[in-house]
Amino acid sequence: MSYIDKITSVHLDILKEIGNIGAGHAATSLSTILGRKMNMNVPHVRILSFNEMIELAGGPETVVASVFLRIEGDVQGNMFFILPLEQAAHFIEQMTGTEAFSFDHLPFPELALSALSELGNILSGSYLSSLSDFTKLSLYPSVPALCIDMVGATISAGLIELSQVSDFVIVVETAIGEDVESSTFINGHFFFLLDPESYEIVFHSLGVPLHG
């Protein structure tokens, strides 16, 4: 039985609750940086196939902005935060005060790229801190790597090792913004690609070990 087959709705609910707490911490950090109140929620935590994950991010040939980090410490894995380009551009405008930012022309301004990297850093750090608080495990992210590229190329490297033991991944959907009902609400996707043995460690630490 694959490790992913052992994950139940109880495990996913726990990850969602941890995600919501992490989202709250991230929203507080972003509110401080942007100087206005930001909200964040985690509407869904799901197990998806690699193909479903790629389609969720817009399809293999859709160009997106992604921040990649390696999870290190007591458990290991990969983490991606992926934003559609128009949403990434809107965030850059908010964070830098730039009007009508566009990804249409190279090279991209360093300030814009730094803003996106910082967004990924804040979000991933908040999630990992929340998970660490619950599990009492030592977890920390690597330096974020920003990429503007097609979805297929962006996440393929993170799937190579995992694809040897599974075809599925846990996806934590995340939404960020001032108003949930507003068109300016930023929707992004967190992809947690923990190494297989790490799931056993995480859920055992949470008191809900995987069985089967």
N, C-alpha and C. Protein backbone atom coordinates (compact mmCIF):
# COMPACT_ATOMS: atom_id res chain seq x y z
N MET A 1 0.84 -1.20 0.00
CA MET A 1 0.00 0.00 0.00
C MET A 1 0.88 1.25 0.00
N SER A 2 0.58 2.18 -0.89
CA SER A 2 1.32 3.43 -0.96
C SER A 2 1.02 4.29 0.26
N TYR A 3 1.98 5.13 0.64
CA TYR A 3 1.77 6.02 1.77
C TYR A 3 0.56 6.90 1.54
N ILE A 4 0.32 7.33 0.30
CA ILE A 4 -0.78 8.24 0.01
C ILE A 4 -2.12 7.54 0.21
N ASP A 5 -2.16 6.20 0.05
CA ASP A 5 -3.40 5.45 0.25
C ASP A 5 -3.79 5.39 1.72
N LYS A 6 -2.84 5.65 2.60
CA LYS A 6 -3.10 5.58 4.03
C LYS A 6 -3.64 6.90 4.59
N ILE A 7 -3.58 7.96 3.79
CA ILE A 7 -4.02 9.27 4.25
C ILE A 7 -5.53 9.36 4.14
N THR A 8 -6.18 9.67 5.27
CA THR A 8 -7.64 9.73 5.34
C THR A 8 -8.12 11.17 5.40
N SER A 9 -9.44 11.35 5.43
CA SER A 9 -10.02 12.68 5.55
C SER A 9 -9.62 13.34 6.88
N VAL A 10 -9.40 12.51 7.90
CA VAL A 10 -8.95 13.04 9.20
C VAL A 10 -7.58 13.70 9.05
N HIS A 11 -6.68 13.02 8.34
CA HIS A 11 -5.35 13.59 8.13
C HIS A 11 -5.44 14.90 7.34
N LEU A 12 -6.27 14.93 6.31
CA LEU A 12 -6.41 16.13 5.49
C LEU A 12 -7.03 17.27 6.29
N ASP A 13 -7.99 16.96 7.15
CA ASP A 13 -8.61 18.00 7.99
C ASP A 13 -7.58 18.61 8.93
N ILE A 14 -6.70 17.78 9.46
CA ILE A 14 -5.65 18.29 10.35
C ILE A 14 -4.72 19.21 9.58
N LEU A 15 -4.34 18.81 8.36
CA LEU A 15 -3.46 19.65 7.54
C LEU A 15 -4.14 20.98 7.19
N LYS A 16 -5.45 20.93 6.97
CA LYS A 16 -6.18 22.17 6.66
C LYS A 16 -6.18 23.10 7.86
N GLU A 17 -6.40 22.55 9.06
CA GLU A 17 -6.41 23.37 10.26
C GLU A 17 -5.04 24.01 10.49
N ILE A 18 -3.99 23.21 10.31
CA ILE A 18 -2.62 23.74 10.44
C ILE A 18 -2.38 24.82 9.39
N GLY A 19 -2.88 24.56 8.16
CA GLY A 19 -2.74 25.53 7.08
C GLY A 19 -3.44 26.84 7.38
N ASN A 20 -4.63 26.76 7.97
CA ASN A 20 -5.37 27.98 8.30
C ASN A 20 -4.64 28.81 9.36
N ILE A 21 -4.03 28.14 10.33
CA ILE A 21 -3.26 28.86 11.35
C ILE A 21 -2.03 29.51 10.71
N GLY A 22 -1.37 28.76 9.83
CA GLY A 22 -0.23 29.33 9.10
C GLY A 22 -0.65 30.50 8.24
N ALA A 23 -1.82 30.38 7.60
CA ALA A 23 -2.33 31.45 6.76
C ALA A 23 -2.59 32.71 7.58
N GLY A 24 -3.08 32.52 8.80
CA GLY A 24 -3.31 33.66 9.67
C GLY A 24 -2.01 34.39 10.00
N HIS A 25 -0.96 33.62 10.28
CA HIS A 25 0.35 34.23 10.56
C HIS A 25 0.87 34.98 9.32
N ALA A 26 0.70 34.35 8.14
CA ALA A 26 1.18 34.97 6.91
C ALA A 26 0.41 36.25 6.62
N ALA A 27 -0.90 36.24 6.87
CA ALA A 27 -1.72 37.43 6.63
C ALA A 27 -1.27 38.59 7.52
N THR A 28 -0.92 38.27 8.75
CA THR A 28 -0.43 39.30 9.67
C THR A 28 0.87 39.91 9.15
N SER A 29 1.77 39.06 8.67
CA SER A 29 3.05 39.54 8.13
C SER A 29 2.83 40.42 6.90
N LEU A 30 1.95 39.98 6.01
CA LEU A 30 1.68 40.76 4.80
C LEU A 30 0.99 42.08 5.13
N SER A 31 0.10 42.06 6.13
CA SER A 31 -0.58 43.28 6.53
C SER A 31 0.44 44.32 7.00
N THR A 32 1.46 43.86 7.72
CA THR A 32 2.50 44.76 8.21
C THR A 32 3.30 45.35 7.06
N ILE A 33 3.65 44.50 6.09
CA ILE A 33 4.45 44.95 4.95
C ILE A 33 3.68 45.92 4.06
N LEU A 34 2.39 45.60 3.80
CA LEU A 34 1.59 46.39 2.87
C LEU A 34 0.91 47.59 3.54
N GLY A 35 0.88 47.59 4.87
CA GLY A 35 0.28 48.71 5.57
C GLY A 35 -1.22 48.72 5.54
N ARG A 36 -1.84 47.58 5.28
CA ARG A 36 -3.30 47.46 5.33
C ARG A 36 -3.65 46.01 5.62
N LYS A 37 -4.85 45.83 6.13
CA LYS A 37 -5.24 44.50 6.58
C LYS A 37 -5.40 43.55 5.40
N MET A 38 -4.76 42.40 5.50
CA MET A 38 -4.89 41.35 4.50
C MET A 38 -5.54 40.13 5.14
N ASN A 39 -6.34 39.43 4.37
CA ASN A 39 -6.98 38.20 4.82
C ASN A 39 -6.43 37.03 4.03
N MET A 40 -6.52 35.87 4.61
CA MET A 40 -6.06 34.67 3.92
C MET A 40 -6.87 33.48 4.42
N ASN A 41 -7.19 32.56 3.52
CA ASN A 41 -7.85 31.35 3.95
C ASN A 41 -7.36 30.16 3.14
N VAL A 42 -7.69 28.99 3.64
CA VAL A 42 -7.33 27.73 2.99
C VAL A 42 -8.63 27.00 2.68
N PRO A 43 -9.20 27.20 1.50
CA PRO A 43 -10.50 26.59 1.20
C PRO A 43 -10.46 25.08 1.03
N HIS A 44 -9.36 24.55 0.52
CA HIS A 44 -9.32 23.11 0.25
C HIS A 44 -7.93 22.54 0.53
N VAL A 45 -7.90 21.30 1.02
CA VAL A 45 -6.70 20.48 1.07
C VAL A 45 -7.07 19.16 0.42
N ARG A 46 -6.40 18.83 -0.67
CA ARG A 46 -6.81 17.66 -1.45
C ARG A 46 -5.62 16.83 -1.88
N ILE A 47 -5.90 15.56 -2.15
CA ILE A 47 -4.90 14.68 -2.78
C ILE A 47 -5.22 14.62 -4.27
N LEU A 48 -4.26 15.02 -5.09
CA LEU A 48 -4.45 15.05 -6.53
C LEU A 48 -3.33 14.28 -7.22
N SER A 49 -3.64 13.77 -8.41
CA SER A 49 -2.59 13.18 -9.23
C SER A 49 -1.71 14.29 -9.77
N PHE A 50 -0.53 13.92 -10.26
CA PHE A 50 0.37 14.93 -10.82
C PHE A 50 -0.31 15.68 -11.97
N ASN A 51 -1.03 14.95 -12.81
CA ASN A 51 -1.71 15.60 -13.94
C ASN A 51 -2.78 16.57 -13.45
N GLU A 52 -3.54 16.16 -12.42
CA GLU A 52 -4.57 17.04 -11.87
C GLU A 52 -3.94 18.29 -11.25
N MET A 53 -2.79 18.11 -10.61
CA MET A 53 -2.08 19.23 -10.01
C MET A 53 -1.65 20.23 -11.08
N ILE A 54 -1.12 19.72 -12.17
CA ILE A 54 -0.67 20.59 -13.26
C ILE A 54 -1.85 21.33 -13.88
N GLU A 55 -2.98 20.63 -14.04
CA GLU A 55 -4.17 21.29 -14.59
C GLU A 55 -4.70 22.34 -13.63
N LEU A 56 -4.64 22.07 -12.33
CA LEU A 56 -5.09 23.03 -11.32
C LEU A 56 -4.30 24.32 -11.41
N ALA A 57 -3.02 24.21 -11.75
CA ALA A 57 -2.16 25.38 -11.86
C ALA A 57 -2.31 26.09 -13.20
N GLY A 58 -3.17 25.55 -14.08
CA GLY A 58 -3.44 26.24 -15.34
C GLY A 58 -3.11 25.44 -16.58
N GLY A 59 -2.54 24.24 -16.43
CA GLY A 59 -2.17 23.44 -17.59
C GLY A 59 -0.68 23.52 -17.85
N PRO A 60 -0.10 22.48 -18.47
CA PRO A 60 1.36 22.38 -18.60
C PRO A 60 2.02 23.52 -19.36
N GLU A 61 1.31 24.16 -20.29
CA GLU A 61 1.93 25.20 -21.11
C GLU A 61 1.59 26.62 -20.65
N THR A 62 0.84 26.74 -19.56
CA THR A 62 0.51 28.05 -19.02
C THR A 62 1.71 28.63 -18.28
N VAL A 63 2.08 29.85 -18.61
CA VAL A 63 3.20 30.50 -17.94
C VAL A 63 2.73 31.08 -16.61
N VAL A 64 3.45 30.77 -15.54
CA VAL A 64 3.09 31.22 -14.20
C VAL A 64 4.33 31.75 -13.49
N ALA A 65 4.08 32.40 -12.36
CA ALA A 65 5.15 32.78 -11.46
C ALA A 65 5.17 31.77 -10.32
N SER A 66 6.30 31.17 -10.07
CA SER A 66 6.37 30.17 -9.00
C SER A 66 7.57 30.44 -8.11
N VAL A 67 7.38 30.13 -6.84
CA VAL A 67 8.47 30.21 -5.86
C VAL A 67 8.68 28.79 -5.34
N PHE A 68 9.89 28.29 -5.50
CA PHE A 68 10.22 26.94 -5.07
C PHE A 68 11.12 26.98 -3.84
N LEU A 69 10.82 26.11 -2.87
CA LEU A 69 11.67 25.98 -1.69
C LEU A 69 11.81 24.51 -1.35
N ARG A 70 12.96 24.17 -0.84
CA ARG A 70 13.20 22.83 -0.33
C ARG A 70 12.94 22.83 1.17
N ILE A 71 12.16 21.86 1.64
CA ILE A 71 11.89 21.72 3.07
C ILE A 71 13.00 20.87 3.67
N GLU A 72 13.63 21.39 4.71
CA GLU A 72 14.72 20.69 5.37
C GLU A 72 14.41 20.52 6.85
N GLY A 73 15.23 19.73 7.54
CA GLY A 73 15.04 19.52 8.97
C GLY A 73 14.69 18.07 9.27
N ASP A 74 13.76 17.87 10.21
CA ASP A 74 13.38 16.52 10.61
C ASP A 74 12.61 15.78 9.52
N VAL A 75 11.98 16.52 8.63
CA VAL A 75 11.37 15.93 7.44
C VAL A 75 11.83 16.73 6.23
N GLN A 76 11.78 16.11 5.06
CA GLN A 76 12.24 16.77 3.84
C GLN A 76 11.15 16.71 2.77
N GLY A 77 11.26 17.63 1.86
CA GLY A 77 10.33 17.66 0.75
C GLY A 77 10.50 18.92 -0.07
N ASN A 78 9.60 19.13 -1.00
CA ASN A 78 9.61 20.31 -1.85
C ASN A 78 8.31 21.09 -1.65
N MET A 79 8.39 22.38 -1.87
CA MET A 79 7.22 23.23 -1.75
C MET A 79 7.21 24.24 -2.90
N PHE A 80 6.06 24.35 -3.54
CA PHE A 80 5.88 25.34 -4.60
C PHE A 80 4.74 26.27 -4.22
N PHE A 81 4.91 27.56 -4.47
CA PHE A 81 3.79 28.49 -4.43
C PHE A 81 3.65 29.04 -5.84
N ILE A 82 2.49 28.81 -6.46
CA ILE A 82 2.30 29.16 -7.86
C ILE A 82 1.17 30.17 -8.01
N LEU A 83 1.45 31.23 -8.77
CA LEU A 83 0.47 32.28 -9.04
C LEU A 83 0.33 32.49 -10.55
N PRO A 84 -0.90 32.67 -11.06
CA PRO A 84 -1.07 33.11 -12.45
C PRO A 84 -0.37 34.45 -12.63
N LEU A 85 0.14 34.70 -13.83
CA LEU A 85 0.92 35.93 -14.05
C LEU A 85 0.14 37.20 -13.73
N GLU A 86 -1.15 37.24 -14.09
CA GLU A 86 -1.92 38.46 -13.82
C GLU A 86 -2.08 38.69 -12.31
N GLN A 87 -2.18 37.59 -11.54
CA GLN A 87 -2.29 37.72 -10.09
C GLN A 87 -0.94 38.13 -9.50
N ALA A 88 0.14 37.55 -10.04
CA ALA A 88 1.48 37.92 -9.58
C ALA A 88 1.75 39.40 -9.85
N ALA A 89 1.35 39.87 -11.03
CA ALA A 89 1.54 41.28 -11.39
C ALA A 89 0.76 42.18 -10.44
N HIS A 90 -0.46 41.76 -10.10
CA HIS A 90 -1.27 42.58 -9.19
C HIS A 90 -0.61 42.66 -7.81
N PHE A 91 -0.06 41.54 -7.34
CA PHE A 91 0.60 41.56 -6.04
C PHE A 91 1.82 42.48 -6.07
N ILE A 92 2.59 42.41 -7.17
CA ILE A 92 3.77 43.27 -7.29
C ILE A 92 3.36 44.73 -7.23
N GLU A 93 2.26 45.07 -7.89
CA GLU A 93 1.76 46.45 -7.86
C GLU A 93 1.45 46.88 -6.42
N GLN A 94 0.82 45.97 -5.67
CA GLN A 94 0.46 46.29 -4.29
C GLN A 94 1.70 46.44 -3.40
N MET A 95 2.65 45.54 -3.61
CA MET A 95 3.79 45.49 -2.70
C MET A 95 4.83 46.57 -2.99
N THR A 96 4.95 46.96 -4.26
CA THR A 96 5.99 47.92 -4.64
C THR A 96 5.45 49.31 -4.95
N GLY A 97 4.12 49.43 -5.07
CA GLY A 97 3.55 50.72 -5.43
C GLY A 97 3.68 51.04 -6.91
N THR A 98 4.05 50.03 -7.70
CA THR A 98 4.19 50.21 -9.15
C THR A 98 2.82 50.17 -9.81
N GLU A 99 2.59 51.05 -10.77
CA GLU A 99 1.32 51.05 -11.47
C GLU A 99 1.42 50.25 -12.77
N ALA A 100 0.39 49.46 -13.04
CA ALA A 100 0.28 48.71 -14.30
C ALA A 100 1.53 47.90 -14.61
N PHE A 101 1.98 47.09 -13.63
CA PHE A 101 3.12 46.21 -13.88
C PHE A 101 2.74 45.11 -14.86
N SER A 102 3.69 44.73 -15.72
CA SER A 102 3.44 43.68 -16.71
C SER A 102 4.66 42.78 -16.86
N PHE A 103 4.39 41.50 -17.18
CA PHE A 103 5.47 40.56 -17.46
C PHE A 103 5.77 40.48 -18.97
N ASP A 104 5.31 41.46 -19.72
CA ASP A 104 5.42 41.41 -21.18
C ASP A 104 6.83 41.67 -21.68
N HIS A 105 7.66 42.32 -20.87
CA HIS A 105 8.97 42.73 -21.38
C HIS A 105 10.09 42.27 -20.45
N LEU A 106 11.14 41.75 -21.05
CA LEU A 106 12.35 41.37 -20.31
C LEU A 106 13.37 42.51 -20.41
N PRO A 107 14.27 42.63 -19.43
CA PRO A 107 14.31 41.86 -18.17
C PRO A 107 13.29 42.39 -17.18
N PHE A 108 12.84 41.53 -16.27
CA PHE A 108 11.91 41.96 -15.24
C PHE A 108 12.67 42.75 -14.17
N PRO A 109 12.06 43.80 -13.63
CA PRO A 109 12.75 44.60 -12.60
C PRO A 109 13.09 43.76 -11.38
N GLU A 110 14.27 43.97 -10.84
CA GLU A 110 14.72 43.22 -9.66
C GLU A 110 13.78 43.45 -8.47
N LEU A 111 13.25 44.65 -8.34
CA LEU A 111 12.34 44.95 -7.23
C LEU A 111 11.10 44.07 -7.30
N ALA A 112 10.60 43.87 -8.52
CA ALA A 112 9.40 43.04 -8.70
C ALA A 112 9.69 41.59 -8.35
N LEU A 113 10.82 41.08 -8.81
CA LEU A 113 11.18 39.69 -8.53
C LEU A 113 11.44 39.49 -7.04
N SER A 114 12.03 40.47 -6.40
CA SER A 114 12.28 40.38 -4.96
C SER A 114 10.97 40.35 -4.19
N ALA A 115 9.98 41.11 -4.66
CA ALA A 115 8.67 41.13 -3.99
C ALA A 115 8.02 39.76 -4.04
N LEU A 116 8.09 39.09 -5.20
CA LEU A 116 7.51 37.76 -5.32
C LEU A 116 8.25 36.74 -4.47
N SER A 117 9.56 36.84 -4.45
CA SER A 117 10.35 35.94 -3.61
C SER A 117 10.00 36.12 -2.14
N GLU A 118 9.82 37.37 -1.75
CA GLU A 118 9.47 37.65 -0.36
C GLU A 118 8.09 37.11 -0.02
N LEU A 119 7.16 37.19 -0.97
CA LEU A 119 5.83 36.62 -0.77
C LEU A 119 5.94 35.11 -0.52
N GLY A 120 6.71 34.44 -1.36
CA GLY A 120 6.89 33.00 -1.19
C GLY A 120 7.56 32.68 0.13
N ASN A 121 8.52 33.51 0.52
CA ASN A 121 9.24 33.31 1.78
C ASN A 121 8.31 33.45 2.98
N ILE A 122 7.48 34.49 2.96
CA ILE A 122 6.55 34.74 4.06
C ILE A 122 5.54 33.60 4.18
N LEU A 123 4.95 33.21 3.06
CA LEU A 123 3.91 32.18 3.09
C LEU A 123 4.48 30.83 3.51
N SER A 124 5.57 30.44 2.89
CA SER A 124 6.14 29.13 3.20
C SER A 124 6.65 29.09 4.64
N GLY A 125 7.28 30.17 5.08
CA GLY A 125 7.77 30.23 6.45
C GLY A 125 6.65 30.14 7.46
N SER A 126 5.51 30.78 7.15
CA SER A 126 4.36 30.75 8.06
C SER A 126 3.77 29.35 8.14
N TYR A 127 3.66 28.69 7.00
CA TYR A 127 3.11 27.33 7.00
C TYR A 127 4.03 26.36 7.73
N LEU A 128 5.31 26.45 7.46
CA LEU A 128 6.25 25.53 8.10
C LEU A 128 6.34 25.79 9.60
N SER A 129 6.26 27.05 10.00
CA SER A 129 6.28 27.37 11.44
C SER A 129 5.06 26.78 12.13
N SER A 130 3.91 26.89 11.47
CA SER A 130 2.69 26.33 12.03
C SER A 130 2.79 24.81 12.15
N LEU A 131 3.28 24.17 11.10
CA LEU A 131 3.44 22.71 11.13
C LEU A 131 4.44 22.30 12.20
N SER A 132 5.51 23.07 12.33
CA SER A 132 6.53 22.79 13.33
C SER A 132 5.98 22.92 14.74
N ASP A 133 5.15 23.95 14.96
CA ASP A 133 4.55 24.15 16.28
C ASP A 133 3.67 22.97 16.67
N PHE A 134 2.92 22.44 15.70
CA PHE A 134 2.01 21.33 15.98
C PHE A 134 2.77 20.02 16.19
N THR A 135 3.77 19.79 15.37
CA THR A 135 4.45 18.49 15.39
C THR A 135 5.64 18.46 16.33
N LYS A 136 6.13 19.64 16.73
CA LYS A 136 7.35 19.77 17.53
C LYS A 136 8.58 19.28 16.75
N LEU A 137 8.45 19.25 15.43
CA LEU A 137 9.57 18.88 14.57
C LEU A 137 10.32 20.14 14.14
N SER A 138 11.59 19.98 13.86
CA SER A 138 12.40 21.10 13.35
C SER A 138 12.26 21.15 11.84
N LEU A 139 11.66 22.22 11.34
CA LEU A 139 11.43 22.38 9.90
C LEU A 139 11.85 23.78 9.47
N TYR A 140 12.47 23.88 8.33
CA TYR A 140 12.83 25.21 7.84
C TYR A 140 12.96 25.16 6.32
N PRO A 141 12.66 26.30 5.66
CA PRO A 141 12.73 26.35 4.20
C PRO A 141 14.10 26.78 3.71
N SER A 142 14.45 26.33 2.51
CA SER A 142 15.66 26.81 1.87
C SER A 142 15.43 28.23 1.35
N VAL A 143 16.45 28.83 0.79
CA VAL A 143 16.29 30.14 0.14
C VAL A 143 15.34 29.98 -1.05
N PRO A 144 14.35 30.85 -1.19
CA PRO A 144 13.38 30.69 -2.28
C PRO A 144 14.00 30.90 -3.66
N ALA A 145 13.56 30.09 -4.62
CA ALA A 145 13.99 30.23 -6.01
C ALA A 145 12.78 30.62 -6.85
N LEU A 146 12.83 31.79 -7.46
CA LEU A 146 11.72 32.30 -8.25
C LEU A 146 11.88 31.90 -9.71
N CYS A 147 10.77 31.51 -10.33
CA CYS A 147 10.80 31.10 -11.73
C CYS A 147 9.57 31.63 -12.45
N ILE A 148 9.76 32.20 -13.63
CA ILE A 148 8.66 32.59 -14.51
C ILE A 148 8.72 31.68 -15.72
N ASP A 149 7.86 30.68 -15.77
CA ASP A 149 7.97 29.67 -16.82
C ASP A 149 6.66 28.90 -16.92
N MET A 150 6.60 27.96 -17.86
CA MET A 150 5.42 27.13 -18.01
C MET A 150 5.27 26.19 -16.82
N VAL A 151 4.02 25.88 -16.47
CA VAL A 151 3.74 25.04 -15.32
C VAL A 151 4.49 23.71 -15.40
N GLY A 152 4.45 23.07 -16.56
CA GLY A 152 5.09 21.77 -16.71
C GLY A 152 6.57 21.82 -16.41
N ALA A 153 7.24 22.84 -16.92
CA ALA A 153 8.68 22.97 -16.68
C ALA A 153 8.97 23.38 -15.25
N THR A 154 8.08 24.18 -14.69
CA THR A 154 8.29 24.72 -13.34
C THR A 154 8.32 23.62 -12.28
N ILE A 155 7.38 22.69 -12.35
CA ILE A 155 7.25 21.73 -11.26
C ILE A 155 7.81 20.35 -11.58
N SER A 156 8.24 20.13 -12.83
CA SER A 156 8.70 18.79 -13.20
C SER A 156 9.89 18.34 -12.36
N ALA A 157 10.80 19.25 -12.05
CA ALA A 157 11.98 18.89 -11.27
C ALA A 157 11.60 18.41 -9.88
N GLY A 158 10.55 19.01 -9.30
CA GLY A 158 10.12 18.63 -7.98
C GLY A 158 9.38 17.30 -7.95
N LEU A 159 9.00 16.80 -9.13
CA LEU A 159 8.24 15.56 -9.20
C LEU A 159 9.11 14.35 -9.52
N ILE A 160 10.32 14.59 -9.98
CA ILE A 160 11.15 13.48 -10.47
C ILE A 160 11.37 12.42 -9.40
N GLU A 161 11.83 12.84 -8.23
CA GLU A 161 12.11 11.88 -7.16
C GLU A 161 10.83 11.26 -6.62
N LEU A 162 9.81 12.10 -6.43
CA LEU A 162 8.55 11.61 -5.88
C LEU A 162 7.85 10.65 -6.82
N SER A 163 8.00 10.86 -8.12
CA SER A 163 7.30 10.03 -9.10
C SER A 163 7.77 8.58 -9.08
N GLN A 164 8.90 8.32 -8.44
CA GLN A 164 9.41 6.95 -8.35
C GLN A 164 8.60 6.12 -7.35
N VAL A 165 7.88 6.79 -6.45
CA VAL A 165 7.14 6.06 -5.42
C VAL A 165 5.65 6.40 -5.38
N SER A 166 5.23 7.45 -6.09
CA SER A 166 3.82 7.84 -6.05
C SER A 166 3.48 8.69 -7.26
N ASP A 167 2.18 8.75 -7.57
CA ASP A 167 1.69 9.62 -8.64
C ASP A 167 0.79 10.71 -8.09
N PHE A 168 0.84 10.92 -6.76
CA PHE A 168 -0.09 11.85 -6.14
C PHE A 168 0.65 12.83 -5.23
N VAL A 169 -0.04 13.94 -4.93
CA VAL A 169 0.54 14.97 -4.09
C VAL A 169 -0.57 15.62 -3.27
N ILE A 170 -0.24 16.12 -2.08
CA ILE A 170 -1.19 16.88 -1.27
C ILE A 170 -1.13 18.34 -1.70
N VAL A 171 -2.29 18.90 -2.04
CA VAL A 171 -2.38 20.28 -2.50
C VAL A 171 -3.14 21.11 -1.47
N VAL A 172 -2.53 22.19 -1.04
CA VAL A 172 -3.17 23.13 -0.13
C VAL A 172 -3.48 24.40 -0.93
N GLU A 173 -4.76 24.66 -1.15
CA GLU A 173 -5.14 25.86 -1.88
C GLU A 173 -5.17 27.05 -0.93
N THR A 174 -4.69 28.19 -1.41
CA THR A 174 -4.56 29.37 -0.56
C THR A 174 -5.07 30.59 -1.30
N ALA A 175 -5.82 31.45 -0.60
CA ALA A 175 -6.31 32.69 -1.19
C ALA A 175 -5.90 33.85 -0.28
N ILE A 176 -5.44 34.93 -0.90
CA ILE A 176 -4.90 36.07 -0.16
C ILE A 176 -5.54 37.35 -0.67
N GLY A 177 -5.86 38.28 0.21
CA GLY A 177 -6.34 39.57 -0.27
C GLY A 177 -6.99 40.40 0.81
N GLU A 178 -7.47 41.58 0.42
CA GLU A 178 -8.13 42.48 1.37
C GLU A 178 -9.59 42.09 1.55
N ASP A 179 -10.19 41.56 0.51
CA ASP A 179 -11.63 41.25 0.54
C ASP A 179 -11.86 39.97 -0.24
N VAL A 180 -12.39 38.95 0.42
CA VAL A 180 -12.59 37.65 -0.22
C VAL A 180 -13.48 37.77 -1.44
N GLU A 181 -14.44 38.69 -1.40
CA GLU A 181 -15.39 38.83 -2.51
C GLU A 181 -14.86 39.73 -3.62
N SER A 182 -13.72 40.34 -3.40
CA SER A 182 -13.20 41.32 -4.34
C SER A 182 -12.48 40.65 -5.51
N SER A 183 -12.49 41.31 -6.65
CA SER A 183 -11.77 40.81 -7.83
C SER A 183 -10.27 40.93 -7.64
N THR A 184 -9.86 41.69 -6.62
CA THR A 184 -8.42 41.86 -6.37
C THR A 184 -7.88 40.78 -5.44
N PHE A 185 -8.73 39.84 -5.05
CA PHE A 185 -8.26 38.76 -4.18
C PHE A 185 -7.30 37.88 -4.95
N ILE A 186 -6.13 37.63 -4.36
CA ILE A 186 -5.10 36.85 -5.03
C ILE A 186 -5.30 35.37 -4.71
N ASN A 187 -5.41 34.56 -5.74
CA ASN A 187 -5.55 33.12 -5.54
C ASN A 187 -4.27 32.42 -5.95
N GLY A 188 -3.77 31.60 -5.06
CA GLY A 188 -2.55 30.87 -5.36
C GLY A 188 -2.68 29.43 -4.92
N HIS A 189 -1.72 28.64 -5.27
CA HIS A 189 -1.72 27.23 -4.88
C HIS A 189 -0.39 26.87 -4.23
N PHE A 190 -0.50 26.28 -3.07
CA PHE A 190 0.65 25.67 -2.42
C PHE A 190 0.68 24.20 -2.80
N PHE A 191 1.82 23.72 -3.24
CA PHE A 191 1.99 22.30 -3.50
C PHE A 191 3.04 21.77 -2.52
N PHE A 192 2.60 20.91 -1.61
CA PHE A 192 3.50 20.24 -0.67
C PHE A 192 3.88 18.89 -1.24
N LEU A 193 5.13 18.70 -1.54
CA LEU A 193 5.61 17.42 -2.05
C LEU A 193 6.59 16.84 -1.05
N LEU A 194 6.07 16.35 0.08
CA LEU A 194 6.94 15.77 1.09
C LEU A 194 7.52 14.46 0.57
N ASP A 195 8.75 14.17 0.99
CA ASP A 195 9.32 12.87 0.69
C ASP A 195 8.47 11.81 1.39
N PRO A 196 8.27 10.64 0.76
CA PRO A 196 7.34 9.63 1.29
C PRO A 196 7.49 9.32 2.77
N GLU A 197 8.71 9.10 3.24
CA GLU A 197 8.89 8.74 4.65
C GLU A 197 8.54 9.89 5.58
N SER A 198 8.49 11.10 5.05
CA SER A 198 8.20 12.26 5.89
C SER A 198 6.74 12.30 6.33
N TYR A 199 5.83 11.77 5.50
CA TYR A 199 4.42 11.73 5.90
C TYR A 199 4.25 10.90 7.17
N GLU A 200 4.93 9.77 7.22
CA GLU A 200 4.86 8.90 8.40
C GLU A 200 5.32 9.66 9.64
N ILE A 201 6.41 10.40 9.51
CA ILE A 201 6.97 11.15 10.64
C ILE A 201 6.01 12.25 11.09
N VAL A 202 5.47 13.00 10.12
CA VAL A 202 4.58 14.12 10.45
C VAL A 202 3.33 13.65 11.17
N PHE A 203 2.65 12.65 10.60
CA PHE A 203 1.39 12.24 11.19
C PHE A 203 1.59 11.48 12.50
N HIS A 204 2.70 10.77 12.63
CA HIS A 204 3.00 10.15 13.91
C HIS A 204 3.21 11.22 14.98
N SER A 205 3.90 12.30 14.62
CA SER A 205 4.12 13.39 15.57
C SER A 205 2.82 14.09 15.95
N LEU A 206 1.84 14.04 15.04
CA LEU A 206 0.54 14.68 15.31
C LEU A 206 -0.40 13.74 16.07
N GLY A 207 0.04 12.52 16.33
CA GLY A 207 -0.79 11.57 17.06
C GLY A 207 -1.82 10.84 16.23
N VAL A 208 -1.68 10.93 14.91
CA VAL A 208 -2.60 10.21 14.01
C VAL A 208 -1.76 9.45 12.98
N PRO A 209 -1.05 8.43 13.42
CA PRO A 209 -0.15 7.69 12.52
C PRO A 209 -0.89 7.06 11.36
N LEU A 210 -0.18 6.90 10.25
CA LEU A 210 -0.74 6.24 9.09
C LEU A 210 -0.81 4.74 9.35
N HIS A 211 -1.94 4.13 9.00
CA HIS A 211 -2.12 2.69 9.20
C HIS A 211 -2.32 2.01 7.86
N GLY A 212 -2.15 0.70 7.86
CA GLY A 212 -2.39 -0.06 6.65
C GLY A 212 -1.13 -0.72 6.14
